[in-house]
Amino acid sequence: MAKAASKNAKVKDAKAAAEAKNWTKVIRAVRSSKSGAYTFKEVIVHKDKVKDFLAGK
């Protein structure tokens, strides 16, 4: 039985890995109006929403 359980766990991990490929970490430089220094905003967004995030929507 133990082998069957570990085989099912691998299938679940493969499904999770396939879903994880649809997400992207996006880093945007944001300039402070006070000091003029740049800070970085990091967000994990769905790959279909990357352009919207970078456009500021």
Protein backbone atom coordinates (compact mmCIF):
# COMPACT_ATOMS: atom_id res chain seq x y z
CA MET A 1 0.00 0.00 0.00
CA ALA A 2 2.78 2.46 0.73
CA LYS A 3 3.94 2.51 -2.87
CA ALA A 4 0.47 3.37 -4.12
CA ALA A 5 0.21 6.24 -1.66
CA SER A 6 3.55 7.71 -2.71
CA LYS A 7 2.60 7.36 -6.37
CA ASN A 8 -0.58 9.39 -5.75
CA ALA A 9 1.41 12.07 -3.95
CA LYS A 10 3.65 12.47 -6.98
CA VAL A 11 0.62 12.95 -9.23
CA LYS A 12 -0.73 15.70 -6.95
CA ASP A 13 2.67 17.42 -6.96
CA ALA A 14 2.76 17.32 -10.76
CA LYS A 15 -0.65 18.99 -10.92
CA ALA A 16 0.47 21.67 -8.48
CA ALA A 17 3.65 22.24 -10.47
CA ALA A 18 1.65 22.62 -13.68
CA GLU A 19 -0.58 25.20 -12.00
CA ALA A 20 2.42 27.07 -10.57
CA LYS A 21 3.79 27.66 -14.05
CA ASN A 22 0.87 30.02 -14.68
CA TRP A 23 2.12 32.52 -12.06
CA THR A 24 4.92 35.06 -12.49
CA LYS A 25 6.86 37.21 -10.04
CA VAL A 26 6.85 40.81 -11.29
CA ILE A 27 9.18 43.46 -9.89
CA ARG A 28 8.50 47.12 -10.58
CA ALA A 29 10.70 50.08 -9.63
CA VAL A 30 8.67 52.83 -7.95
CA ARG A 31 10.15 56.29 -7.44
CA SER A 32 9.45 58.12 -4.20
CA SER A 33 8.09 61.63 -4.68
CA LYS A 34 9.69 62.79 -1.41
CA SER A 35 13.29 61.66 -1.74
CA GLY A 36 13.50 60.61 -5.38
CA ALA A 37 14.86 57.22 -4.35
CA TYR A 38 13.62 54.05 -6.00
CA THR A 39 11.94 51.20 -4.16
CA PHE A 40 10.90 47.92 -5.63
CA LYS A 41 7.42 46.45 -5.50
CA GLU A 42 7.31 42.68 -5.88
CA VAL A 43 4.03 40.91 -6.66
CA ILE A 44 3.15 37.43 -7.84
CA VAL A 45 0.44 37.68 -10.52
CA HIS A 46 -1.15 35.35 -13.02
CA LYS A 47 0.67 35.34 -16.36
CA ASP A 48 -2.39 36.81 -18.10
CA LYS A 49 -2.41 39.85 -15.78
CA VAL A 50 1.27 40.89 -16.08
CA LYS A 51 0.67 43.64 -18.65
CA ASP A 52 -2.17 45.08 -16.57
CA PHE A 53 0.05 45.21 -13.49
CA LEU A 54 2.89 46.93 -15.33
CA ALA A 55 0.46 49.41 -16.87
CA GLY A 56 -0.61 50.41 -13.36
CA LYS A 57 -4.19 49.13 -13.54
